[in-house]
Amino acid sequence: MSTTAPTRRSFTSYSDMFRERRIPVENRDFIAAALDQVERLDITELVSYVKITRANKQPDIRLYRGYIGGYTSEAEALRMTDAKVAYESETRPGTWWVWLPEHGQPTPGSAGTPRRARGGRLAESSWLRKPCPVCRYLMNEAGKCTNCRS
């Protein structure tokens, strides 16, 4: 049994990444457009995602099976991806992500699955909650904004 970590693959182009990672054809144009404006240093495959390291020292872009994230603001995510909705990351504060057009079924533990809240009850995922019409902060499960109290 080997205890060494698997080697990371690096890609020289997005087309190599698409082919090697078997990215669905429906997502390729969307991803290419989303990454077109990114000045990149490196494209590296990790266990669950592909990391696109930016040359301008901003957070890396991460391409998962069903979504792409690492944008520094909601405006950047919407502008660069041409998506209709962007979501603030719970795992990487200060970054935003968008669904890929063909994202399939979320798997347990992925961004699209409900998590357990305190007390063991099933919590509604933040992407199911609605943003406040005043400040765009996600409202709680009761539909009340805890940020601006509207």
C-alpha atoms as a PDB file:
ATOM      1  CA  MET A   1       0.000   0.000   0.000  1.00  0.00           C
ATOM      2  CA  SER A   2       1.415   3.338  -1.017  1.00  0.00           C
ATOM      3  CA  THR A   3       1.259   6.232   1.425  1.00  0.00           C
ATOM      4  CA  THR A   4       2.349   8.882  -1.040  1.00  0.00           C
ATOM      5  CA  ALA A   5      -0.200  11.427  -2.211  1.00  0.00           C
ATOM      6  CA  PRO A   6      -1.318  11.192  -5.846  1.00  0.00           C
ATOM      7  CA  THR A   7       0.443  13.596  -8.168  1.00  0.00           C
ATOM      8  CA  ARG A   8      -1.450  16.643  -9.342  1.00  0.00           C
ATOM      9  CA  ARG A   9      -2.063  17.073 -13.031  1.00  0.00           C
ATOM     10  CA  SER A  10      -1.442  20.416 -14.660  1.00  0.00           C
ATOM     11  CA  PHE A  11      -3.134  21.418 -17.885  1.00  0.00           C
ATOM     12  CA  THR A  12      -1.677  23.686 -20.540  1.00  0.00           C
ATOM     13  CA  SER A  13      -5.048  24.710 -21.955  1.00  0.00           C
ATOM     14  CA  TYR A  14      -8.743  24.660 -21.172  1.00  0.00           C
ATOM     15  CA  SER A  15      -9.373  22.228 -24.021  1.00  0.00           C
ATOM     16  CA  ASP A  16      -6.938  19.745 -22.422  1.00  0.00           C
ATOM     17  CA  MET A  17      -8.752  20.190 -19.123  1.00  0.00           C
ATOM     18  CA  PHE A  18     -12.166  19.655 -20.768  1.00  0.00           C
ATOM     19  CA  ARG A  19     -11.018  16.441 -22.409  1.00  0.00           C
ATOM     20  CA  GLU A  20      -9.118  14.971 -19.438  1.00  0.00           C
ATOM     21  CA  ARG A  21     -11.785  15.839 -16.852  1.00  0.00           C
ATOM     22  CA  ARG A  22     -14.625  14.755 -19.188  1.00  0.00           C
ATOM     23  CA  ILE A  23     -16.484  18.008 -18.683  1.00  0.00           C
ATOM     24  CA  PRO A  24     -19.953  17.896 -20.293  1.00  0.00           C
ATOM     25  CA  VAL A  25     -20.185  19.647 -23.644  1.00  0.00           C
ATOM     26  CA  GLU A  26     -23.085  21.767 -22.307  1.00  0.00           C
ATOM     27  CA  ASN A  27     -20.702  23.377 -19.778  1.00  0.00           C
ATOM     28  CA  ARG A  28     -17.665  23.967 -21.990  1.00  0.00           C
ATOM     29  CA  ASP A  29     -18.734  27.235 -23.645  1.00  0.00           C
ATOM     30  CA  PHE A  30     -19.959  28.606 -20.312  1.00  0.00           C
ATOM     31  CA  ILE A  31     -16.664  27.724 -18.590  1.00  0.00           C
ATOM     32  CA  ALA A  32     -14.539  29.064 -21.449  1.00  0.00           C
ATOM     33  CA  ALA A  33     -16.424  32.381 -21.358  1.00  0.00           C
ATOM     34  CA  ALA A  34     -16.225  32.511 -17.541  1.00  0.00           C
ATOM     35  CA  LEU A  35     -12.457  32.016 -17.622  1.00  0.00           C
ATOM     36  CA  ASP A  36     -11.782  34.115 -20.720  1.00  0.00           C
ATOM     37  CA  GLN A  37     -11.158  37.291 -18.707  1.00  0.00           C
ATOM     38  CA  VAL A  38      -8.966  35.556 -16.099  1.00  0.00           C
ATOM     39  CA  GLU A  39      -5.250  36.168 -16.481  1.00  0.00           C
ATOM     40  CA  ARG A  40      -4.045  32.788 -15.346  1.00  0.00           C
ATOM     41  CA  LEU A  41      -0.757  31.424 -14.109  1.00  0.00           C
ATOM     42  CA  ASP A  42      -1.665  27.777 -13.773  1.00  0.00           C
ATOM     43  CA  ILE A  43      -4.434  25.199 -14.220  1.00  0.00           C
ATOM     44  CA  THR A  44      -4.061  22.399 -11.647  1.00  0.00           C
ATOM     45  CA  GLU A  45      -6.278  19.396 -10.967  1.00  0.00           C
ATOM     46  CA  LEU A  46      -6.900  18.660  -7.302  1.00  0.00           C
ATOM     47  CA  VAL A  47      -9.011  15.883  -5.789  1.00  0.00           C
ATOM     48  CA  SER A  48     -12.460  17.455  -6.164  1.00  0.00           C
ATOM     49  CA  TYR A  49     -11.871  20.494  -8.371  1.00  0.00           C
ATOM     50  CA  VAL A  50      -9.609  22.235 -10.865  1.00  0.00           C
ATOM     51  CA  LYS A  51      -7.793  25.284  -9.509  1.00  0.00           C
ATOM     52  CA  ILE A  52      -7.133  28.176 -11.880  1.00  0.00           C
ATOM     53  CA  THR A  53      -4.478  30.350 -10.230  1.00  0.00           C
ATOM     54  CA  ARG A  54      -4.871  34.004 -11.117  1.00  0.00           C
ATOM     55  CA  ALA A  55      -1.866  36.121 -12.087  1.00  0.00           C
ATOM     56  CA  ASN A  56      -3.213  39.189 -10.245  1.00  0.00           C
ATOM     57  CA  LYS A  57      -3.037  37.612  -6.742  1.00  0.00           C
ATOM     58  CA  GLN A  58      -6.842  37.465  -6.393  1.00  0.00           C
ATOM     59  CA  PRO A  59      -8.474  34.279  -5.064  1.00  0.00           C
ATOM     60  CA  ASP A  60      -8.076  31.292  -7.340  1.00  0.00           C
ATOM     61  CA  ILE A  61     -11.022  30.213  -9.454  1.00  0.00           C
ATOM     62  CA  ARG A  62     -12.225  26.738  -8.585  1.00  0.00           C
ATOM     63  CA  LEU A  63     -14.093  24.604 -11.078  1.00  0.00           C
ATOM     64  CA  TYR A  64     -16.158  21.883  -9.426  1.00  0.00           C
ATOM     65  CA  ARG A  65     -18.423  19.342 -11.087  1.00  0.00           C
ATOM     66  CA  GLY A  66     -21.519  21.522 -10.766  1.00  0.00           C
ATOM     67  CA  TYR A  67     -20.338  25.059 -10.129  1.00  0.00           C
ATOM     68  CA  ILE A  68     -17.507  27.536 -10.551  1.00  0.00           C
ATOM     69  CA  GLY A  69     -16.382  29.843  -7.754  1.00  0.00           C
ATOM     70  CA  GLY A  70     -13.721  32.181  -6.469  1.00  0.00           C
ATOM     71  CA  TYR A  71     -15.035  35.469  -7.808  1.00  0.00           C
ATOM     72  CA  THR A  72     -14.315  38.460  -5.573  1.00  0.00           C
ATOM     73  CA  SER A  73     -17.812  39.949  -5.742  1.00  0.00           C
ATOM     74  CA  GLU A  74     -21.309  39.196  -6.919  1.00  0.00           C
ATOM     75  CA  ALA A  75     -20.832  41.745  -9.715  1.00  0.00           C
ATOM     76  CA  GLU A  76     -17.627  40.063 -10.900  1.00  0.00           C
ATOM     77  CA  ALA A  77     -19.277  36.624 -10.884  1.00  0.00           C
ATOM     78  CA  LEU A  78     -22.263  37.858 -12.895  1.00  0.00           C
ATOM     79  CA  ARG A  79     -20.139  39.897 -15.321  1.00  0.00           C
ATOM     80  CA  MET A  80     -17.555  37.190 -16.003  1.00  0.00           C
ATOM     81  CA  THR A  81     -19.952  34.260 -16.254  1.00  0.00           C
ATOM     82  CA  ASP A  82     -23.038  35.897 -17.712  1.00  0.00           C
ATOM     83  CA  ALA A  83     -25.027  33.926 -15.111  1.00  0.00           C
ATOM     84  CA  LYS A  84     -28.351  35.212 -13.823  1.00  0.00           C
ATOM     85  CA  VAL A  85     -27.627  34.559 -10.116  1.00  0.00           C
ATOM     86  CA  ALA A  86     -24.434  34.383  -8.038  1.00  0.00           C
ATOM     87  CA  TYR A  87     -24.123  33.046  -4.492  1.00  0.00           C
ATOM     88  CA  GLU A  88     -21.799  34.071  -1.692  1.00  0.00           C
ATOM     89  CA  SER A  89     -19.579  31.196  -0.609  1.00  0.00           C
ATOM     90  CA  GLU A  90     -20.044  29.827   2.894  1.00  0.00           C
ATOM     91  CA  THR A  91     -16.755  27.918   2.775  1.00  0.00           C
ATOM     92  CA  ARG A  92     -14.609  30.660   1.220  1.00  0.00           C
ATOM     93  CA  PRO A  93     -15.784  33.969   2.744  1.00  0.00           C
ATOM     94  CA  GLY A  94     -15.454  36.926   0.416  1.00  0.00           C
ATOM     95  CA  THR A  95     -15.872  34.859  -2.737  1.00  0.00           C
ATOM     96  CA  TRP A  96     -18.869  34.145  -4.944  1.00  0.00           C
ATOM     97  CA  TRP A  97     -19.911  31.181  -7.138  1.00  0.00           C
ATOM     98  CA  VAL A  98     -22.389  30.290  -9.883  1.00  0.00           C
ATOM     99  CA  TRP A  99     -23.999  27.052 -11.030  1.00  0.00           C
ATOM    100  CA  LEU A 100     -22.826  25.519 -14.292  1.00  0.00           C
ATOM    101  CA  PRO A 101     -25.576  25.076 -16.919  1.00  0.00           C
ATOM    102  CA  GLU A 102     -25.451  21.277 -16.624  1.00  0.00           C
ATOM    103  CA  HIS A 103     -24.669  20.576 -12.985  1.00  0.00           C
ATOM    104  CA  GLY A 104     -26.372  17.245 -12.470  1.00  0.00           C
ATOM    105  CA  GLN A 105     -27.530  16.043  -9.105  1.00  0.00           C
ATOM    106  CA  PRO A 106     -25.730  17.402  -6.035  1.00  0.00           C
ATOM    107  CA  THR A 107     -23.964  14.699  -4.050  1.00  0.00           C
ATOM    108  CA  PRO A 108     -24.031  14.433  -0.233  1.00  0.00           C
ATOM    109  CA  GLY A 109     -21.704  17.044   1.224  1.00  0.00           C
ATOM    110  CA  SER A 110     -21.619  19.186  -1.916  1.00  0.00           C
ATOM    111  CA  ALA A 111     -22.745  22.812  -2.105  1.00  0.00           C
ATOM    112  CA  GLY A 112     -26.232  21.866  -3.240  1.00  0.00           C
ATOM    113  CA  THR A 113     -27.173  19.581  -0.391  1.00  0.00           C
ATOM    114  CA  PRO A 114     -28.891  20.575   2.854  1.00  0.00           C
ATOM    115  CA  ARG A 115     -26.760  20.594   5.991  1.00  0.00           C
ATOM    116  CA  ARG A 116     -27.727  19.740   9.542  1.00  0.00           C
ATOM    117  CA  ALA A 117     -28.349  22.728  11.756  1.00  0.00           C
ATOM    118  CA  ARG A 118     -27.782  22.737  15.506  1.00  0.00           C
ATOM    119  CA  GLY A 119     -30.091  20.335  17.258  1.00  0.00           C
ATOM    120  CA  GLY A 120     -29.979  17.837  14.387  1.00  0.00           C
ATOM    121  CA  ARG A 121     -32.795  19.323  12.325  1.00  0.00           C
ATOM    122  CA  LEU A 122     -32.304  19.641   8.598  1.00  0.00           C
ATOM    123  CA  ALA A 123     -31.370  23.224   7.719  1.00  0.00           C
ATOM    124  CA  GLU A 124     -32.537  24.890   4.551  1.00  0.00           C
ATOM    125  CA  SER A 125     -29.531  25.564   2.342  1.00  0.00           C
ATOM    126  CA  SER A 126     -28.694  29.222   1.850  1.00  0.00           C
ATOM    127  CA  TRP A 127     -29.189  28.899  -1.902  1.00  0.00           C
ATOM    128  CA  LEU A 128     -32.861  28.115  -1.237  1.00  0.00           C
ATOM    129  CA  ARG A 129     -33.361  31.232   0.902  1.00  0.00           C
ATOM    130  CA  LYS A 130     -34.300  34.489  -0.767  1.00  0.00           C
ATOM    131  CA  PRO A 131     -32.190  37.669  -0.680  1.00  0.00           C
ATOM    132  CA  CYS A 132     -33.589  40.719   1.078  1.00  0.00           C
ATOM    133  CA  PRO A 133     -35.094  43.127  -1.472  1.00  0.00           C
ATOM    134  CA  VAL A 134     -33.490  46.065   0.394  1.00  0.00           C
ATOM    135  CA  CYS A 135     -29.904  44.996   1.191  1.00  0.00           C
ATOM    136  CA  ARG A 136     -29.559  41.658  -0.733  1.00  0.00           C
ATOM    137  CA  TYR A 137     -28.507  39.847   2.477  1.00  0.00           C
ATOM    138  CA  LEU A 138     -29.970  36.332   2.675  1.00  0.00           C
ATOM    139  CA  MET A 139     -33.135  36.343   4.765  1.00  0.00           C
ATOM    140  CA  ASN A 140     -33.668  33.727   7.468  1.00  0.00           C
ATOM    141  CA  GLU A 141     -36.008  30.760   7.090  1.00  0.00           C
ATOM    142  CA  ALA A 142     -38.926  32.862   8.323  1.00  0.00           C
ATOM    143  CA  GLY A 143     -38.367  35.385   5.510  1.00  0.00           C
ATOM    144  CA  LYS A 144     -37.028  38.145   7.783  1.00  0.00           C
ATOM    145  CA  CYS A 145     -33.786  40.024   7.150  1.00  0.00           C
ATOM    146  CA  THR A 146     -31.455  39.983  10.147  1.00  0.00           C
ATOM    147  CA  ASN A 147     -29.174  42.550   8.549  1.00  0.00           C
ATOM    148  CA  CYS A 148     -31.421  45.558   7.863  1.00  0.00           C
ATOM    149  CA  ARG A 149     -34.473  44.270   9.825  1.00  0.00           C
ATOM    150  CA  SER A 150     -36.873  44.674   6.892  1.00  0.00           C
END
